[in-house]
Amino acid sequence: EALSLHTVSGSSSVEWVEGSLLAQRQPLIWYKTTFNA
């Protein structure tokens, strides 16, 4: 929340992982994706 990860600018302030490193079924995890309308 302090990093505003829910915003475009805030979400670019940390390193996210994907693919085989994607955290699943774990507590306290932030997820992000993009999509077209």
PDB file of all heavy atoms in Angstrom:
ATOM      1  N   GLU A   1       0.837  -1.202   0.000  1.00  0.00           N
ATOM      2  CA  GLU A   1       0.000   0.000   0.000  1.00  0.00           C
ATOM      3  C   GLU A   1       0.871   1.252   0.000  1.00  0.00           C
ATOM      4  O   GLU A   1       0.602   2.208  -0.729  1.00  0.00           O
ATOM      5  CB  GLU A   1      -0.925  -0.002   1.223  1.00  0.00           C
ATOM      6  CG  GLU A   1      -2.040  -1.024   1.171  1.00  0.00           C
ATOM      7  CD  GLU A   1      -2.921  -0.971   2.410  1.00  0.00           C
ATOM      8  OE1 GLU A   1      -2.376  -1.105   3.527  1.00  0.00           O
ATOM      9  OE2 GLU A   1      -4.146  -0.799   2.261  1.00  0.00           O
ATOM     10  N   ALA A   2       1.910   1.245   0.833  1.00  0.00           N
ATOM     11  CA  ALA A   2       2.794   2.408   0.902  1.00  0.00           C
ATOM     12  C   ALA A   2       3.485   2.663  -0.433  1.00  0.00           C
ATOM     13  O   ALA A   2       3.742   3.814  -0.808  1.00  0.00           O
ATOM     14  CB  ALA A   2       3.831   2.204   2.004  1.00  0.00           C
ATOM     15  N   LEU A   3       3.765   1.590  -1.170  1.00  0.00           N
ATOM     16  CA  LEU A   3       4.403   1.717  -2.481  1.00  0.00           C
ATOM     17  C   LEU A   3       3.399   1.965  -3.603  1.00  0.00           C
ATOM     18  O   LEU A   3       3.801   2.115  -4.758  1.00  0.00           O
ATOM     19  CB  LEU A   3       5.201   0.437  -2.786  1.00  0.00           C
ATOM     20  CG  LEU A   3       6.409   0.152  -1.893  1.00  0.00           C
ATOM     21  CD1 LEU A   3       6.979  -1.237  -2.189  1.00  0.00           C
ATOM     22  CD2 LEU A   3       7.483   1.218  -2.079  1.00  0.00           C
ATOM     23  N   SER A   4       2.111   1.982  -3.268  1.00  0.00           N
ATOM     24  CA  SER A   4       1.040   2.170  -4.269  1.00  0.00           C
ATOM     25  C   SER A   4       1.162   1.154  -5.398  1.00  0.00           C
ATOM     26  O   SER A   4       1.103   1.496  -6.585  1.00  0.00           O
ATOM     27  CB  SER A   4       1.071   3.596  -4.833  1.00  0.00           C
ATOM     28  OG  SER A   4       0.806   4.540  -3.824  1.00  0.00           O
ATOM     29  N   LEU A   5       1.309  -0.108  -5.027  1.00  0.00           N
ATOM     30  CA  LEU A   5       1.441  -1.154  -6.040  1.00  0.00           C
ATOM     31  C   LEU A   5       0.204  -1.292  -6.915  1.00  0.00           C
ATOM     32  O   LEU A   5       0.278  -1.906  -7.981  1.00  0.00           O
ATOM     33  CB  LEU A   5       1.732  -2.507  -5.360  1.00  0.00           C
ATOM     34  CG  LEU A   5       3.076  -2.651  -4.644  1.00  0.00           C
ATOM     35  CD1 LEU A   5       3.271  -4.085  -4.172  1.00  0.00           C
ATOM     36  CD2 LEU A   5       4.235  -2.234  -5.540  1.00  0.00           C
ATOM     37  N   HIS A   6      -0.914  -0.713  -6.484  1.00  0.00           N
ATOM     38  CA  HIS A   6      -2.135  -0.814  -7.282  1.00  0.00           C
ATOM     39  C   HIS A   6      -2.162   0.191  -8.429  1.00  0.00           C
ATOM     40  O   HIS A   6      -3.090   0.168  -9.238  1.00  0.00           O
ATOM     41  CB  HIS A   6      -3.354  -0.607  -6.382  1.00  0.00           C
ATOM     42  CG  HIS A   6      -3.423   0.751  -5.746  1.00  0.00           C
ATOM     43  ND1 HIS A   6      -2.604   1.119  -4.708  1.00  0.00           N
ATOM     44  CD2 HIS A   6      -4.205   1.823  -6.007  1.00  0.00           C
ATOM     45  CE1 HIS A   6      -2.876   2.354  -4.344  1.00  0.00           C
ATOM     46  NE2 HIS A   6      -3.847   2.811  -5.126  1.00  0.00           N
ATOM     47  N   THR A   7      -1.156   1.064  -8.506  1.00  0.00           N
ATOM     48  CA  THR A   7      -1.106   2.061  -9.571  1.00  0.00           C
ATOM     49  C   THR A   7      -0.016   1.698 -10.575  1.00  0.00           C
ATOM     50  O   THR A   7       0.887   0.913 -10.287  1.00  0.00           O
ATOM     51  CB  THR A   7      -0.812   3.459  -9.008  1.00  0.00           C
ATOM     52  OG1 THR A   7       0.521   3.481  -8.467  1.00  0.00           O
ATOM     53  CG2 THR A   7      -1.806   3.827  -7.911  1.00  0.00           C
ATOM     54  N   VAL A   8      -0.096   2.308 -11.758  1.00  0.00           N
ATOM     55  CA  VAL A   8       0.888   2.026 -12.803  1.00  0.00           C
ATOM     56  C   VAL A   8       2.283   2.430 -12.351  1.00  0.00           C
ATOM     57  O   VAL A   8       3.247   1.661 -12.472  1.00  0.00           O
ATOM     58  CB  VAL A   8       0.508   2.759 -14.109  1.00  0.00           C
ATOM     59  CG1 VAL A   8       1.624   2.611 -15.145  1.00  0.00           C
ATOM     60  CG2 VAL A   8      -0.803   2.218 -14.660  1.00  0.00           C
ATOM     61  N   SER A   9       2.404   3.630 -11.791  1.00  0.00           N
ATOM     62  CA  SER A   9       3.729   4.093 -11.369  1.00  0.00           C
ATOM     63  C   SER A   9       4.242   3.297 -10.186  1.00  0.00           C
ATOM     64  O   SER A   9       5.416   2.905 -10.141  1.00  0.00           O
ATOM     65  CB  SER A   9       3.680   5.584 -11.028  1.00  0.00           C
ATOM     66  OG  SER A   9       2.737   5.830  -9.982  1.00  0.00           O
ATOM     67  N   GLY A  10       3.377   3.033  -9.212  1.00  0.00           N
ATOM     68  CA  GLY A  10       3.807   2.291  -8.031  1.00  0.00           C
ATOM     69  C   GLY A  10       4.179   0.859  -8.341  1.00  0.00           C
ATOM     70  O   GLY A  10       5.130   0.311  -7.766  1.00  0.00           O
ATOM     71  N   SER A  11       3.462   0.240  -9.253  1.00  0.00           N
ATOM     72  CA  SER A  11       3.720  -1.166  -9.548  1.00  0.00           C
ATOM     73  C   SER A  11       5.072  -1.370 -10.224  1.00  0.00           C
ATOM     74  O   SER A  11       5.626  -2.473 -10.205  1.00  0.00           O
ATOM     75  CB  SER A  11       2.608  -1.736 -10.434  1.00  0.00           C
ATOM     76  OG  SER A  11       2.617  -1.122 -11.707  1.00  0.00           O
ATOM     77  N   SER A  12       5.616  -0.308 -10.811  1.00  0.00           N
ATOM     78  CA  SER A  12       6.917  -0.416 -11.474  1.00  0.00           C
ATOM     79  C   SER A  12       8.078  -0.185 -10.514  1.00  0.00           C
ATOM     80  O   SER A  12       9.244  -0.234 -10.929  1.00  0.00           O
ATOM     81  CB  SER A  12       6.993   0.590 -12.626  1.00  0.00           C
ATOM     82  OG  SER A  12       6.898   1.923 -12.136  1.00  0.00           O
ATOM     83  N   SER A  13       7.781   0.028  -9.230  1.00  0.00           N
ATOM     84  CA  SER A  13       8.837   0.349  -8.262  1.00  0.00           C
ATOM     85  C   SER A  13       9.445  -0.876  -7.607  1.00  0.00           C
ATOM     86  O   SER A  13      10.394  -0.751  -6.836  1.00  0.00           O
ATOM     87  CB  SER A  13       8.283   1.284  -7.181  1.00  0.00           C
ATOM     88  OG  SER A  13       7.291   0.616  -6.403  1.00  0.00           O
ATOM     89  N   VAL A  14       8.875  -2.054  -7.870  1.00  0.00           N
ATOM     90  CA  VAL A  14       9.403  -3.283  -7.276  1.00  0.00           C
ATOM     91  C   VAL A  14       9.608  -4.322  -8.372  1.00  0.00           C
ATOM     92  O   VAL A  14       9.110  -4.175  -9.498  1.00  0.00           O
ATOM     93  CB  VAL A  14       8.451  -3.852  -6.195  1.00  0.00           C
ATOM     94  CG1 VAL A  14       8.240  -2.847  -5.081  1.00  0.00           C
ATOM     95  CG2 VAL A  14       7.110  -4.263  -6.803  1.00  0.00           C
ATOM     96  N   GLU A  15      10.338  -5.377  -8.030  1.00  0.00           N
ATOM     97  CA  GLU A  15      10.555  -6.464  -8.972  1.00  0.00           C
ATOM     98  C   GLU A  15       9.504  -7.548  -8.758  1.00  0.00           C
ATOM     99  O   GLU A  15       9.359  -8.081  -7.664  1.00  0.00           O
ATOM    100  CB  GLU A  15      11.958  -7.046  -8.795  1.00  0.00           C
ATOM    101  CG  GLU A  15      13.074  -6.111  -9.234  1.00  0.00           C
ATOM    102  CD  GLU A  15      14.430  -6.798  -9.235  1.00  0.00           C
ATOM    103  OE1 GLU A  15      14.459  -8.052  -9.181  1.00  0.00           O
ATOM    104  OE2 GLU A  15      15.447  -6.085  -9.285  1.00  0.00           O
ATOM    105  N   TRP A  16       8.786  -7.844  -9.811  1.00  0.00           N
ATOM    106  CA  TRP A  16       7.775  -8.893  -9.795  1.00  0.00           C
ATOM    107  C   TRP A  16       8.365 -10.158 -10.418  1.00  0.00           C
ATOM    108  O   TRP A  16       9.286 -10.082 -11.232  1.00  0.00           O
ATOM    109  CB  TRP A  16       6.536  -8.466 -10.580  1.00  0.00           C
ATOM    110  CG  TRP A  16       5.865  -7.222 -10.065  1.00  0.00           C
ATOM    111  CD1 TRP A  16       6.311  -5.941 -10.190  1.00  0.00           C
ATOM    112  CD2 TRP A  16       4.635  -7.143  -9.351  1.00  0.00           C
ATOM    113  NE1 TRP A  16       5.440  -5.054  -9.593  1.00  0.00           N
ATOM    114  CE2 TRP A  16       4.380  -5.769  -9.074  1.00  0.00           C
ATOM    115  CE3 TRP A  16       3.700  -8.083  -8.916  1.00  0.00           C
ATOM    116  CZ2 TRP A  16       3.254  -5.327  -8.393  1.00  0.00           C
ATOM    117  CZ3 TRP A  16       2.568  -7.638  -8.243  1.00  0.00           C
ATOM    118  CH2 TRP A  16       2.350  -6.286  -7.972  1.00  0.00           C
ATOM    119  N   VAL A  17       7.804 -11.301 -10.045  1.00  0.00           N
ATOM    120  CA  VAL A  17       8.241 -12.559 -10.648  1.00  0.00           C
ATOM    121  C   VAL A  17       7.063 -13.185 -11.382  1.00  0.00           C
ATOM    122  O   VAL A  17       5.898 -12.876 -11.115  1.00  0.00           O
ATOM    123  CB  VAL A  17       8.794 -13.538  -9.595  1.00  0.00           C
ATOM    124  CG1 VAL A  17      10.003 -12.930  -8.894  1.00  0.00           C
ATOM    125  CG2 VAL A  17       7.717 -13.926  -8.580  1.00  0.00           C
ATOM    126  N   GLU A  18       7.396 -14.079 -12.316  1.00  0.00           N
ATOM    127  CA  GLU A  18       6.343 -14.711 -13.113  1.00  0.00           C
ATOM    128  C   GLU A  18       6.772 -16.112 -13.481  1.00  0.00           C
ATOM    129  O   GLU A  18       7.807 -16.611 -13.030  1.00  0.00           O
ATOM    130  CB  GLU A  18       6.065 -13.871 -14.365  1.00  0.00           C
ATOM    131  CG  GLU A  18       7.276 -13.599 -15.231  1.00  0.00           C
ATOM    132  CD  GLU A  18       6.979 -12.591 -16.326  1.00  0.00           C
ATOM    133  OE1 GLU A  18       5.862 -12.614 -16.851  1.00  0.00           O
ATOM    134  OE2 GLU A  18       7.869 -11.784 -16.655  1.00  0.00           O
ATOM    135  N   GLY A  19       5.946 -16.759 -14.303  1.00  0.00           N
ATOM    136  CA  GLY A  19       6.264 -18.108 -14.764  1.00  0.00           C
ATOM    137  C   GLY A  19       6.336 -19.095 -13.627  1.00  0.00           C
ATOM    138  O   GLY A  19       5.470 -19.134 -12.750  1.00  0.00           O
ATOM    139  N   SER A  20       7.397 -19.883 -13.595  1.00  0.00           N
ATOM    140  CA  SER A  20       7.533 -20.924 -12.572  1.00  0.00           C
ATOM    141  C   SER A  20       7.755 -20.351 -11.180  1.00  0.00           C
ATOM    142  O   SER A  20       7.572 -21.041 -10.172  1.00  0.00           O
ATOM    143  CB  SER A  20       8.697 -21.857 -12.925  1.00  0.00           C
ATOM    144  OG  SER A  20       9.923 -21.129 -12.973  1.00  0.00           O
ATOM    145  N   LEU A  21       8.148 -19.074 -11.110  1.00  0.00           N
ATOM    146  CA  LEU A  21       8.371 -18.444  -9.811  1.00  0.00           C
ATOM    147  C   LEU A  21       7.113 -17.779  -9.243  1.00  0.00           C
ATOM    148  O   LEU A  21       7.137 -17.265  -8.125  1.00  0.00           O
ATOM    149  CB  LEU A  21       9.485 -17.396  -9.937  1.00  0.00           C
ATOM    150  CG  LEU A  21      10.859 -17.916 -10.348  1.00  0.00           C
ATOM    151  CD1 LEU A  21      11.835 -16.759 -10.504  1.00  0.00           C
ATOM    152  CD2 LEU A  21      11.381 -18.932  -9.331  1.00  0.00           C
ATOM    153  N   LEU A  22       6.035 -17.790 -10.019  1.00  0.00           N
ATOM    154  CA  LEU A  22       4.788 -17.145  -9.576  1.00  0.00           C
ATOM    155  C   LEU A  22       4.296 -17.778  -8.278  1.00  0.00           C
ATOM    156  O   LEU A  22       4.126 -19.003  -8.194  1.00  0.00           O
ATOM    157  CB  LEU A  22       3.718 -17.287 -10.660  1.00  0.00           C
ATOM    158  CG  LEU A  22       2.379 -16.592 -10.376  1.00  0.00           C
ATOM    159  CD1 LEU A  22       2.507 -15.082 -10.556  1.00  0.00           C
ATOM    160  CD2 LEU A  22       1.275 -17.133 -11.297  1.00  0.00           C
ATOM    161  N   ALA A  23       4.091 -16.941  -7.266  1.00  0.00           N
ATOM    162  CA  ALA A  23       3.595 -17.446  -5.980  1.00  0.00           C
ATOM    163  C   ALA A  23       2.123 -17.812  -6.099  1.00  0.00           C
ATOM    164  O   ALA A  23       1.323 -17.036  -6.626  1.00  0.00           O
ATOM    165  CB  ALA A  23       3.780 -16.385  -4.900  1.00  0.00           C
ATOM    166  N   GLN A  24       1.771 -19.006  -5.624  1.00  0.00           N
ATOM    167  CA  GLN A  24       0.375 -19.447  -5.641  1.00  0.00           C
ATOM    168  C   GLN A  24       0.028 -20.089  -4.306  1.00  0.00           C
ATOM    169  O   GLN A  24       0.866 -20.737  -3.680  1.00  0.00           O
ATOM    170  CB  GLN A  24       0.128 -20.448  -6.767  1.00  0.00           C
ATOM    171  CG  GLN A  24       0.264 -19.865  -8.165  1.00  0.00           C
ATOM    172  CD  GLN A  24      -0.160 -20.841  -9.235  1.00  0.00           C
ATOM    173  OE1 GLN A  24      -1.220 -21.445  -9.157  1.00  0.00           O
ATOM    174  NE2 GLN A  24       0.668 -20.993 -10.263  1.00  0.00           N
ATOM    175  N   ARG A  25      -1.204 -19.876  -3.912  1.00  0.00           N
ATOM    176  CA  ARG A  25      -1.740 -20.454  -2.676  1.00  0.00           C
ATOM    177  C   ARG A  25      -0.843 -20.145  -1.479  1.00  0.00           C
ATOM    178  O   ARG A  25      -0.592 -20.991  -0.617  1.00  0.00           O
ATOM    179  CB  ARG A  25      -1.956 -21.965  -2.831  1.00  0.00           C
ATOM    180  CG  ARG A  25      -2.850 -22.294  -4.014  1.00  0.00           C
ATOM    181  CD  ARG A  25      -3.389 -23.690  -3.989  1.00  0.00           C
ATOM    182  NE  ARG A  25      -4.192 -23.972  -5.174  1.00  0.00           N
ATOM    183  CZ  ARG A  25      -5.454 -23.569  -5.370  1.00  0.00           C
ATOM    184  NH1 ARG A  25      -6.054 -22.842  -4.437  1.00  0.00           N
ATOM    185  NH2 ARG A  25      -6.097 -23.864  -6.478  1.00  0.00           N
ATOM    186  N   GLN A  26      -0.346 -18.907  -1.459  1.00  0.00           N
ATOM    187  CA  GLN A  26       0.457 -18.421  -0.344  1.00  0.00           C
ATOM    188  C   GLN A  26      -0.188 -17.153   0.200  1.00  0.00           C
ATOM    189  O   GLN A  26      -0.787 -16.385  -0.551  1.00  0.00           O
ATOM    190  CB  GLN A  26       1.884 -18.115  -0.798  1.00  0.00           C
ATOM    191  CG  GLN A  26       2.660 -19.312  -1.295  1.00  0.00           C
ATOM    192  CD  GLN A  26       4.046 -18.923  -1.779  1.00  0.00           C
ATOM    193  OE1 GLN A  26       4.664 -18.002  -1.244  1.00  0.00           O
ATOM    194  NE2 GLN A  26       4.538 -19.614  -2.797  1.00  0.00           N
ATOM    195  N   PRO A  27      -0.059 -16.902   1.504  1.00  0.00           N
ATOM    196  CA  PRO A  27      -0.662 -15.693   2.070  1.00  0.00           C
ATOM    197  C   PRO A  27       0.151 -14.447   1.736  1.00  0.00           C
ATOM    198  O   PRO A  27       1.356 -14.513   1.477  1.00  0.00           O
ATOM    199  CB  PRO A  27      -0.649 -15.969   3.571  1.00  0.00           C
ATOM    200  CG  PRO A  27       0.520 -16.897   3.766  1.00  0.00           C
ATOM    201  CD  PRO A  27       0.568 -17.751   2.531  1.00  0.00           C
ATOM    202  N   LEU A  28      -0.516 -13.314   1.746  1.00  0.00           N
ATOM    203  CA  LEU A  28       0.086 -11.992   1.602  1.00  0.00           C
ATOM    204  C   LEU A  28       0.901 -11.869   0.313  1.00  0.00           C
ATOM    205  O   LEU A  28       2.107 -11.628   0.325  1.00  0.00           O
ATOM    206  CB  LEU A  28       0.955 -11.643   2.812  1.00  0.00           C
ATOM    207  CG  LEU A  28       0.294 -11.708   4.194  1.00  0.00           C
ATOM    208  CD1 LEU A  28       1.191 -11.048   5.230  1.00  0.00           C
ATOM    209  CD2 LEU A  28      -1.089 -11.088   4.202  1.00  0.00           C
ATOM    210  N   ILE A  29       0.205 -12.027  -0.808  1.00  0.00           N
ATOM    211  CA  ILE A  29       0.831 -11.934  -2.119  1.00  0.00           C
ATOM    212  C   ILE A  29       0.102 -10.884  -2.958  1.00  0.00           C
ATOM    213  O   ILE A  29      -1.135 -10.847  -2.988  1.00  0.00           O
ATOM    214  CB  ILE A  29       0.795 -13.284  -2.869  1.00  0.00           C
ATOM    215  CG1 ILE A  29       1.474 -14.377  -2.041  1.00  0.00           C
ATOM    216  CG2 ILE A  29       1.466 -13.151  -4.238  1.00  0.00           C
ATOM    217  CD1 ILE A  29       2.950 -14.191  -1.829  1.00  0.00           C
ATOM    218  N   TRP A  30       0.885 -10.053  -3.635  1.00  0.00           N
ATOM    219  CA  TRP A  30       0.348  -9.122  -4.622  1.00  0.00           C
ATOM    220  C   TRP A  30       0.474  -9.755  -6.009  1.00  0.00           C
ATOM    221  O   TRP A  30       1.489 -10.381  -6.330  1.00  0.00           O
ATOM    222  CB  TRP A  30       1.132  -7.806  -4.608  1.00  0.00           C
ATOM    223  CG  TRP A  30       0.944  -6.999  -3.360  1.00  0.00           C
ATOM    224  CD1 TRP A  30       1.621  -7.145  -2.186  1.00  0.00           C
ATOM    225  CD2 TRP A  30       0.032  -5.918  -3.160  1.00  0.00           C
ATOM    226  NE1 TRP A  30       1.185  -6.233  -1.249  1.00  0.00           N
ATOM    227  CE2 TRP A  30       0.205  -5.455  -1.830  1.00  0.00           C
ATOM    228  CE3 TRP A  30      -0.910  -5.285  -3.966  1.00  0.00           C
ATOM    229  CZ2 TRP A  30      -0.523  -4.398  -1.296  1.00  0.00           C
ATOM    230  CZ3 TRP A  30      -1.641  -4.234  -3.436  1.00  0.00           C
ATOM    231  CH2 TRP A  30      -1.453  -3.799  -2.123  1.00  0.00           C
ATOM    232  N   TYR A  31      -0.582  -9.574  -6.812  1.00  0.00           N
ATOM    233  CA  TYR A  31      -0.562 -10.055  -8.193  1.00  0.00           C
ATOM    234  C   TYR A  31      -0.896  -8.899  -9.127  1.00  0.00           C
ATOM    235  O   TYR A  31      -1.691  -8.017  -8.782  1.00  0.00           O
ATOM    236  CB  TYR A  31      -1.599 -11.164  -8.403  1.00  0.00           C
ATOM    237  CG  TYR A  31      -1.348 -12.414  -7.605  1.00  0.00           C
ATOM    238  CD1 TYR A  31      -2.070 -12.683  -6.445  1.00  0.00           C
ATOM    239  CD2 TYR A  31      -0.395 -13.344  -8.015  1.00  0.00           C
ATOM    240  CE1 TYR A  31      -1.850 -13.839  -5.719  1.00  0.00           C
ATOM    241  CE2 TYR A  31      -0.162 -14.510  -7.285  1.00  0.00           C
ATOM    242  CZ  TYR A  31      -0.893 -14.748  -6.142  1.00  0.00           C
ATOM    243  OH  TYR A  31      -0.668 -15.891  -5.418  1.00  0.00           O
ATOM    244  N   LYS A  32      -0.298  -8.921 -10.309  1.00  0.00           N
ATOM    245  CA  LYS A  32      -0.664  -7.922 -11.301  1.00  0.00           C
ATOM    246  C   LYS A  32      -0.638  -8.537 -12.692  1.00  0.00           C
ATOM    247  O   LYS A  32       0.091  -9.504 -12.966  1.00  0.00           O
ATOM    248  CB  LYS A  32       0.255  -6.707 -11.244  1.00  0.00           C
ATOM    249  CG  LYS A  32       1.627  -6.886 -11.899  1.00  0.00           C
ATOM    250  CD  LYS A  32       2.322  -5.537 -12.095  1.00  0.00           C
ATOM    251  CE  LYS A  32       3.647  -5.704 -12.834  1.00  0.00           C
ATOM    252  NZ  LYS A  32       4.278  -4.404 -13.166  1.00  0.00           N
ATOM    253  N   THR A  33      -1.453  -7.943 -13.575  1.00  0.00           N
ATOM    254  CA  THR A  33      -1.476  -8.311 -14.974  1.00  0.00           C
ATOM    255  C   THR A  33      -2.032  -7.135 -15.756  1.00  0.00           C
ATOM    256  O   THR A  33      -2.530  -6.166 -15.160  1.00  0.00           O
ATOM    257  CB  THR A  33      -2.321  -9.577 -15.212  1.00  0.00           C
ATOM    258  OG1 THR A  33      -2.150 -10.031 -16.554  1.00  0.00           O
ATOM    259  CG2 THR A  33      -3.801  -9.307 -14.976  1.00  0.00           C
ATOM    260  N   THR A  34      -1.937  -7.200 -17.063  1.00  0.00           N
ATOM    261  CA  THR A  34      -2.558  -6.184 -17.917  1.00  0.00           C
ATOM    262  C   THR A  34      -3.437  -6.875 -18.940  1.00  0.00           C
ATOM    263  O   THR A  34      -3.215  -8.053 -19.286  1.00  0.00           O
ATOM    264  CB  THR A  34      -1.508  -5.321 -18.636  1.00  0.00           C
ATOM    265  OG1 THR A  34      -0.651  -6.168 -19.414  1.00  0.00           O
ATOM    266  CG2 THR A  34      -0.679  -4.524 -17.646  1.00  0.00           C
ATOM    267  N   PHE A  35      -4.431  -6.151 -19.432  1.00  0.00           N
ATOM    268  CA  PHE A  35      -5.344  -6.728 -20.419  1.00  0.00           C
ATOM    269  C   PHE A  35      -5.972  -5.612 -21.238  1.00  0.00           C
ATOM    270  O   PHE A  35      -6.001  -4.449 -20.824  1.00  0.00           O
ATOM    271  CB  PHE A  35      -6.431  -7.565 -19.733  1.00  0.00           C
ATOM    272  CG  PHE A  35      -7.379  -6.768 -18.871  1.00  0.00           C
ATOM    273  CD1 PHE A  35      -8.598  -6.314 -19.362  1.00  0.00           C
ATOM    274  CD2 PHE A  35      -7.051  -6.467 -17.550  1.00  0.00           C
ATOM    275  CE1 PHE A  35      -9.468  -5.572 -18.566  1.00  0.00           C
ATOM    276  CE2 PHE A  35      -7.913  -5.725 -16.751  1.00  0.00           C
ATOM    277  CZ  PHE A  35      -9.128  -5.275 -17.266  1.00  0.00           C
ATOM    278  N   ASN A  36      -6.492  -5.986 -22.382  1.00  0.00           N
ATOM    279  CA  ASN A  36      -7.209  -5.049 -23.243  1.00  0.00           C
ATOM    280  C   ASN A  36      -8.699  -5.143 -22.967  1.00  0.00           C
ATOM    281  O   ASN A  36      -9.211  -6.213 -22.611  1.00  0.00           O
ATOM    282  CB  ASN A  36      -6.932  -5.349 -24.716  1.00  0.00           C
ATOM    283  CG  ASN A  36      -5.476  -5.170 -25.075  1.00  0.00           C
ATOM    284  OD1 ASN A  36      -4.759  -4.402 -24.426  1.00  0.00           O
ATOM    285  ND2 ASN A  36      -5.018  -5.880 -26.100  1.00  0.00           N
ATOM    286  N   ALA A  37      -9.380  -4.031 -23.131  1.00  0.00           N
ATOM    287  CA  ALA A  37     -10.823  -4.016 -22.894  1.00  0.00           C
ATOM    288  C   ALA A  37     -11.527  -4.832 -23.974  1.00  0.00           C
ATOM    289  O   ALA A  37     -11.225  -4.692 -25.163  1.00  0.00           O
ATOM    290  CB  ALA A  37     -11.344  -2.586 -22.891  1.00  0.00           C
TER     291      ALA A  37
END
